[in-house]
Protein backbone atom coordinates (compact mmCIF):
# COMPACT_ATOMS: atom_id res chain seq x y z
CA MET A 1 -16.60 100.06 47.08
CA LEU A 2 -15.93 100.30 43.35
CA THR A 3 -18.28 97.43 42.54
CA GLU A 4 -21.18 99.39 44.04
CA LYS A 5 -20.56 102.19 41.52
CA LEU A 6 -20.70 99.90 38.46
CA PRO A 7 -23.89 99.75 36.34
CA ASN A 8 -26.46 97.22 37.55
CA GLN A 9 -29.69 96.34 35.75
CA GLY A 10 -31.20 94.57 38.77
CA ARG A 11 -30.82 91.31 36.88
CA TYR A 12 -28.68 88.39 38.02
CA ILE A 13 -27.38 85.26 36.31
CA TYR A 14 -26.57 82.29 38.55
CA THR A 15 -24.55 79.42 37.14
CA PHE A 16 -24.92 76.04 38.81
CA ALA A 17 -23.69 72.46 38.55
CA CYS A 18 -24.65 69.20 40.22
CA HIS A 19 -24.18 65.45 40.05
CA GLU A 20 -26.92 63.68 38.10
CA THR A 21 -28.09 61.95 41.32
CA GLU A 22 -28.73 65.40 42.84
CA ARG A 23 -30.29 67.06 39.80
CA GLU A 24 -33.84 66.93 41.18
CA LEU A 25 -32.71 68.33 44.54
CA CYS A 26 -30.75 71.11 42.81
CA GLU A 27 -33.77 72.15 40.74
CA MET A 28 -36.06 72.01 43.77
CA GLU A 29 -33.67 74.26 45.68
CA LEU A 30 -33.54 76.72 42.78
CA ARG A 31 -37.34 76.80 42.61
CA ALA A 32 -37.46 77.61 46.32
CA LEU A 33 -34.75 80.29 46.19
CA PHE A 34 -35.89 82.04 43.01
CA ASN A 35 -39.53 80.96 42.60
CA ALA A 36 -38.67 80.00 39.03
CA GLU A 37 -37.37 77.15 36.89
CA PRO A 38 -33.79 77.24 35.53
CA ASP A 39 -33.52 79.01 32.17
CA ALA A 40 -31.03 76.44 30.88
CA LEU A 41 -29.19 73.32 31.98
CA PHE A 42 -26.60 75.35 33.85
CA TYR A 43 -27.92 78.83 34.73
CA ILE A 44 -30.91 80.73 36.06
CA ASP A 45 -31.83 84.33 35.20
CA SER A 46 -33.47 86.19 38.09
CA SER A 47 -34.25 89.63 39.51
CA LYS A 48 -33.52 88.26 42.99
CA GLN A 49 -30.10 88.89 44.51
CA ILE A 50 -28.73 86.27 46.92
CA ASP A 51 -25.28 85.32 48.15
CA PRO A 52 -24.08 82.61 45.71
CA SER A 53 -22.31 80.83 48.59
CA ARG A 54 -25.67 79.87 50.08
CA SER A 55 -26.28 77.05 47.63
CA PRO A 56 -24.03 73.99 47.31
CA PHE A 57 -24.88 73.96 43.60
CA ILE A 58 -24.45 77.62 42.58
CA SER A 59 -20.93 78.37 41.38
CA MET A 60 -21.24 82.07 40.54
CA ARG A 61 -23.53 85.10 40.42
CA MET A 62 -23.15 87.59 37.59
CA ASP A 63 -24.67 91.04 38.17
CA VAL A 64 -25.84 92.05 34.70
CA MET A 65 -24.39 95.39 33.57
CA PHE A 66 -25.06 95.31 29.83
CA ALA A 67 -27.05 93.12 27.43
CA GLY A 68 -27.51 93.24 23.68
CA SER A 69 -28.77 91.23 20.73
CA THR A 70 -25.28 91.32 19.20
CA LEU A 71 -21.78 91.33 20.63
CA GLU A 72 -21.24 94.75 19.06
CA ASP A 73 -24.18 96.11 21.08
CA VAL A 74 -22.45 95.04 24.29
CA LEU A 75 -18.96 96.14 23.22
CA GLY A 76 -20.29 99.62 22.54
CA GLN A 77 -21.41 100.01 26.17
CA ILE A 78 -18.31 98.64 27.89
CA PRO A 79 -16.03 101.72 27.51
CA SER A 80 -18.30 103.58 29.95
CA ILE A 81 -16.95 101.43 32.82
CA GLU A 82 -14.80 103.34 35.34
CA LEU A 83 -12.44 101.04 37.28
CA GLU A 84 -10.68 103.77 39.28
CA GLY A 85 -7.33 102.00 39.07
CA ASP A 86 -8.55 98.48 39.88
CA SER A 87 -7.26 95.59 37.78
CA PHE A 88 -9.68 93.30 35.93
CA LYS A 89 -10.16 90.02 34.12
CA VAL A 90 -12.82 88.93 31.62
CA LEU A 91 -14.18 85.39 31.84
CA TYR A 92 -16.12 83.71 29.03
CA ILE A 93 -19.06 81.84 30.57
CA LYS A 94 -20.14 78.83 28.58
CA GLY A 95 -23.68 79.32 27.33
CA GLY A 96 -26.01 78.04 24.64
CA ALA A 97 -23.69 79.05 21.79
CA LYS A 98 -20.70 76.77 21.30
CA HIS A 99 -17.33 78.43 20.93
CA SER A 100 -14.00 76.64 20.74
CA TYR A 101 -11.31 77.21 23.35
CA ASP A 102 -9.45 79.59 21.02
CA GLU A 103 -12.67 81.48 20.21
CA GLN A 104 -13.45 81.87 23.92
CA ARG A 105 -10.01 83.37 24.62
CA LYS A 106 -10.38 85.66 21.60
CA LEU A 107 -13.74 86.91 22.86
CA GLU A 108 -12.24 87.58 26.31
CA ARG A 109 -9.42 89.61 24.73
CA GLN A 110 -11.88 91.46 22.49
CA VAL A 111 -14.01 92.50 25.45
CA GLY A 112 -10.99 93.24 27.64
CA GLY A 113 -9.64 95.53 24.95
CA CYS A 114 -12.69 97.78 25.39
CA ILE A 115 -12.14 98.22 29.14
CA ARG A 116 -9.99 101.13 30.30
CA GLY A 117 -7.73 99.63 32.94
CA THR A 118 -5.07 97.05 33.70
CA ALA A 119 -5.76 93.40 32.99
CA ASP A 120 -4.57 90.85 35.56
CA MET A 121 -5.09 87.19 34.73
CA ARG A 122 -4.06 85.84 38.15
CA LYS A 123 -5.42 88.06 40.93
CA PRO A 124 -7.72 90.70 39.43
CA ASP A 125 -9.53 93.16 41.66
CA VAL A 126 -12.65 92.81 39.51
CA MET A 127 -13.91 89.82 37.51
CA PHE A 128 -16.23 90.40 34.56
CA GLY A 129 -18.20 87.73 32.73
CA LEU A 130 -19.38 87.39 29.13
CA LEU A 131 -22.28 85.01 28.54
CA PRO A 132 -23.78 84.05 25.15
CA VAL A 133 -27.54 83.39 25.38
CA ASP A 134 -30.31 82.66 22.87
CA THR A 135 -31.25 86.35 22.69
CA GLY A 136 -27.70 87.67 22.31
CA TRP A 137 -24.97 88.48 24.83
CA ILE A 138 -24.82 89.42 28.51
CA PHE A 139 -21.93 91.15 30.28
CA GLY A 140 -21.62 91.65 34.01
CA LEU A 141 -19.74 91.60 37.28
CA CYS A 142 -18.92 88.11 38.61
CA HIS A 143 -19.08 86.94 42.22
CA HIS A 144 -17.74 83.41 42.70
CA ALA A 145 -19.30 81.23 45.38
CA GLU A 146 -17.31 80.02 48.35
CA SER A 147 -17.91 76.32 49.03
CA VAL A 148 -18.64 76.84 52.73
CA TRP A 149 -20.26 73.42 53.02
CA LEU A 150 -16.98 71.71 52.12
CA GLN A 151 -15.57 72.92 55.44
CA HIS A 152 -18.32 70.97 57.22
CA LYS A 153 -17.75 67.56 55.61
CA ASP A 154 -15.33 66.29 58.25
CA LYS A 155 -17.08 66.17 61.61
CA PRO A 156 -15.96 64.52 64.86
CA GLN A 157 -19.29 62.63 65.04
CA ASN A 158 -21.24 61.11 62.13
CA TYR A 159 -24.09 58.74 61.29
CA SER A 160 -23.55 56.34 58.38
CA THR A 161 -27.07 57.21 57.16
CA GLY A 162 -26.83 60.90 58.07
CA LEU A 163 -27.51 63.61 55.51
CA SER A 164 -24.51 64.76 53.49
CA THR A 165 -23.48 68.41 53.79
CA VAL A 166 -24.69 69.08 50.23
CA VAL A 167 -28.14 67.61 50.87
CA ALA A 168 -28.44 69.23 54.32
CA ARG A 169 -27.57 72.67 52.94
CA ALA A 170 -30.01 72.34 50.05
CA LEU A 171 -32.79 71.26 52.43
CA VAL A 172 -32.20 74.36 54.55
CA ASN A 173 -32.49 76.60 51.48
CA ILE A 174 -35.69 74.85 50.40
CA ALA A 175 -37.21 75.34 53.85
CA VAL A 176 -35.85 78.87 54.37
CA PRO A 177 -35.36 80.74 51.07
CA ASP A 178 -35.40 84.04 52.97
CA PRO A 179 -33.48 83.71 56.27
CA HIS A 180 -34.54 87.04 57.75
CA ALA A 181 -36.70 87.03 60.91
CA VAL A 182 -37.59 83.34 60.81
CA LYS A 183 -37.56 80.67 63.52
CA VAL A 184 -36.59 77.19 62.37
CA ILE A 185 -36.38 73.80 64.07
CA ASP A 186 -34.89 70.42 63.26
CA PRO A 187 -37.00 68.20 65.55
CA CYS A 188 -34.93 65.05 64.90
CA CYS A 189 -31.55 66.72 64.56
CA GLY A 190 -29.31 63.68 64.94
CA MET A 191 -25.66 64.73 64.81
CA GLY A 192 -26.55 68.27 63.73
CA ASN A 193 -25.79 68.29 59.99
CA VAL A 194 -28.78 70.50 59.16
CA LEU A 195 -28.11 72.76 62.15
CA ILE A 196 -24.51 73.42 61.09
CA GLU A 197 -25.50 74.37 57.53
CA ALA A 198 -28.32 76.63 58.74
CA LEU A 199 -26.18 78.35 61.38
CA SER A 200 -23.43 78.99 58.81
CA MET A 201 -26.02 80.96 56.80
CA GLY A 202 -27.07 83.03 59.81
CA ILE A 203 -30.41 81.26 60.23
CA ASN A 204 -32.11 81.18 63.64
CA ILE A 205 -32.45 77.42 64.22
CA VAL A 206 -32.65 75.00 67.13
CA GLY A 207 -32.47 71.23 67.28
CA ARG A 208 -34.25 68.56 69.28
CA ASP A 209 -33.75 64.80 69.46
CA ILE A 210 -35.13 62.14 71.73
CA ASN A 211 -31.81 60.26 71.64
CA PRO A 212 -29.29 61.51 74.25
CA LEU A 213 -26.37 60.06 72.25
CA ALA A 214 -27.44 62.05 69.18
CA ILE A 215 -27.63 65.26 71.23
CA ARG A 216 -24.18 64.58 72.66
CA GLY A 217 -22.79 64.06 69.15
CA ALA A 218 -24.55 67.18 67.85
CA ARG A 219 -23.05 69.31 70.63
CA ILE A 220 -19.57 67.96 69.88
CA ASN A 221 -20.00 68.77 66.18
CA LEU A 222 -21.42 72.24 66.85
CA LEU A 223 -18.58 73.08 69.21
CA HIS A 224 -16.09 71.84 66.60
CA PHE A 225 -17.39 74.53 64.21
CA GLY A 226 -17.50 77.28 66.83
CA TYR A 227 -21.13 77.08 67.98
CA SER A 228 -20.97 76.80 71.76
CA ASP A 229 -24.52 77.70 72.83
CA SER A 230 -25.83 74.62 74.65
CA ASP A 231 -29.43 75.77 74.08
CA LEU A 232 -29.07 75.18 70.33
CA VAL A 233 -29.78 71.48 70.85
CA MET A 234 -31.80 69.83 73.60
CA ILE A 235 -33.09 66.36 74.41
CA GLY A 236 -36.80 66.28 73.73
CA ASP A 237 -39.70 64.44 72.12
CA MET A 238 -40.86 66.29 69.02
CA ASN A 239 -44.45 65.30 69.82
CA GLN A 240 -44.25 67.52 72.91
CA ILE A 241 -42.97 70.69 71.19
CA ASP A 242 -45.33 73.55 72.05
CA GLN A 243 -43.65 76.56 70.40
CA LEU A 244 -44.53 77.77 66.90
CA TYR A 245 -41.92 77.86 64.11
CA ASP A 246 -41.82 79.29 60.61
CA ALA A 247 -40.15 76.19 59.19
CA ALA A 248 -39.14 72.68 60.22
CA ILE A 249 -36.72 70.27 58.58
CA LEU A 250 -37.56 66.68 59.49
CA ASP A 251 -35.35 63.79 58.41
CA MET A 252 -37.49 60.85 59.48
CA PRO A 253 -35.58 58.45 61.76
CA TYR A 254 -34.10 55.55 59.82
CA ASN A 255 -32.03 52.54 60.72
CA LEU A 256 -32.30 48.83 60.21
CA CYS A 257 -33.04 48.19 63.88
CA SER A 258 -35.98 50.55 64.34
CA VAL A 259 -38.60 50.94 61.63
CA LEU A 260 -41.37 53.41 62.47
CA SER A 261 -44.90 52.07 62.64
CA GLU A 262 -47.69 53.72 60.65
CA GLU A 263 -49.11 55.18 63.87
CA GLU A 264 -45.73 56.63 64.92
CA THR A 265 -45.20 58.14 61.47
CA ILE A 266 -48.61 59.83 61.41
CA THR A 267 -48.13 61.10 64.98
CA MET A 268 -44.76 62.68 64.09
CA LEU A 269 -46.08 64.31 60.92
CA THR A 270 -49.18 65.61 62.70
CA SER A 271 -46.97 67.12 65.40
CA VAL A 272 -44.91 68.98 62.80
CA SER A 273 -48.04 70.36 61.13
CA ARG A 274 -49.13 71.61 64.56
CA PHE A 275 -45.98 73.61 65.36
CA SER A 276 -44.60 74.68 61.96
CA ARG A 277 -46.00 76.67 59.03
CA LEU A 278 -43.66 75.08 56.49
CA ALA A 279 -41.85 71.75 56.62
CA VAL A 280 -39.29 69.91 54.55
CA ILE A 281 -39.80 66.21 55.19
CA VAL A 282 -37.23 63.59 54.21
CA SER A 283 -37.80 59.84 54.23
CA SER A 284 -36.66 56.65 52.55
CA GLU A 285 -40.34 55.64 52.54
CA LEU A 286 -43.20 56.97 50.40
CA LEU A 287 -45.21 59.12 52.80
CA GLU A 288 -47.51 61.20 50.59
CA GLU A 289 -50.72 59.77 52.06
CA TYR A 290 -49.48 60.21 55.63
CA ILE A 291 -48.31 63.76 54.93
CA ILE A 292 -51.70 64.76 53.55
CA SER A 293 -53.51 62.97 56.40
CA ALA A 294 -51.41 64.98 58.86
CA GLY A 295 -52.88 68.21 57.47
CA PHE A 296 -50.13 69.26 55.06
CA ARG A 297 -50.37 70.44 51.47
CA ILE A 298 -47.43 69.24 49.35
CA LYS A 299 -45.95 72.18 47.41
CA ASP A 300 -42.95 70.46 45.80
CA GLN A 301 -41.02 67.21 45.95
CA CYS A 302 -38.00 65.37 44.60
CA ILE A 303 -35.88 62.23 44.95
CA VAL A 304 -32.21 62.08 45.98
CA ARG A 305 -30.24 58.92 45.23
CA LYS A 306 -27.01 57.70 46.78
CA GLY A 307 -26.19 54.28 45.40
CA SER A 308 -29.18 52.06 46.17
CA PHE A 309 -30.36 54.34 48.99
CA VAL A 310 -33.19 56.66 47.95
CA ARG A 311 -34.44 59.67 49.89
CA ASN A 312 -37.77 61.31 49.13
CA VAL A 313 -38.04 65.03 49.87
CA TRP A 314 -41.30 66.95 50.24
CA LEU A 315 -41.85 70.68 50.78
CA CYS A 316 -45.10 70.99 52.70
CA GLU A 317 -47.35 73.76 53.97
CA SER A 318 -49.57 73.43 57.01
CA GLY A 319 -52.71 75.39 57.77
CA LEU A 320 -51.03 77.63 60.36
């Protein structure tokens, strides 16, 4: 492919956006994926290459080709690009420096004028990006994210208090930043929201739930999205799980009719620490003391708000 022949510095810019109620979750996901804090309010600069479609918050990845302290430094390097007949477009990416709409279009034309090839504003073969940063300018190849999670919003079966697709997908990324050769479990899988997001990213995950109606709903939802393996979800008490997993994602059971006792909560958390090395735990209650008592070390945490409903999220590490 042509894009594989273009210069690449092994540096990647990821732009992201989120609702203010999900800002903490977004930043926690970015810390898990990149092991770093965002460099600005809207982008992160990393040496790690991931598919931008993994995150519900990342909108684009730019593979850095050239960088310079001045625009002229970058413009001087651009003529070396060989497009081999492919069409292109240059996109100004809003950064720290403020440029008016007219200035942005002028910069795009100025950069485009240095590229040997045919510009196509509608359906270009290659999309380039120009980003102003505090240290100068960055130019690179753009890969826009596909909002895969949007396709999962409408399910045949749903809980009113179930995790949204955005939250479920972010939780999966927090628990499993590297999906290769890992075994994951959702021990209270409900209608399968977490399972669907994980499976869509190629992650090896299974679900368990003690509620037969939840398992039935999960199987209907999984089949709706093309996952027909009946072994993906099974009826079972999480306290009886005897296999070991690399990660677990536990959304603590919640409804107005059944509030967990302190003993039940500690038993569930202790079970997770027994069968999983890492765990992402979600609860509307404050569980820090119980989590620590269960043998976990809390690595990171955040709060997600939806109206008056608040979810606490903890990334925990057991002693396994």
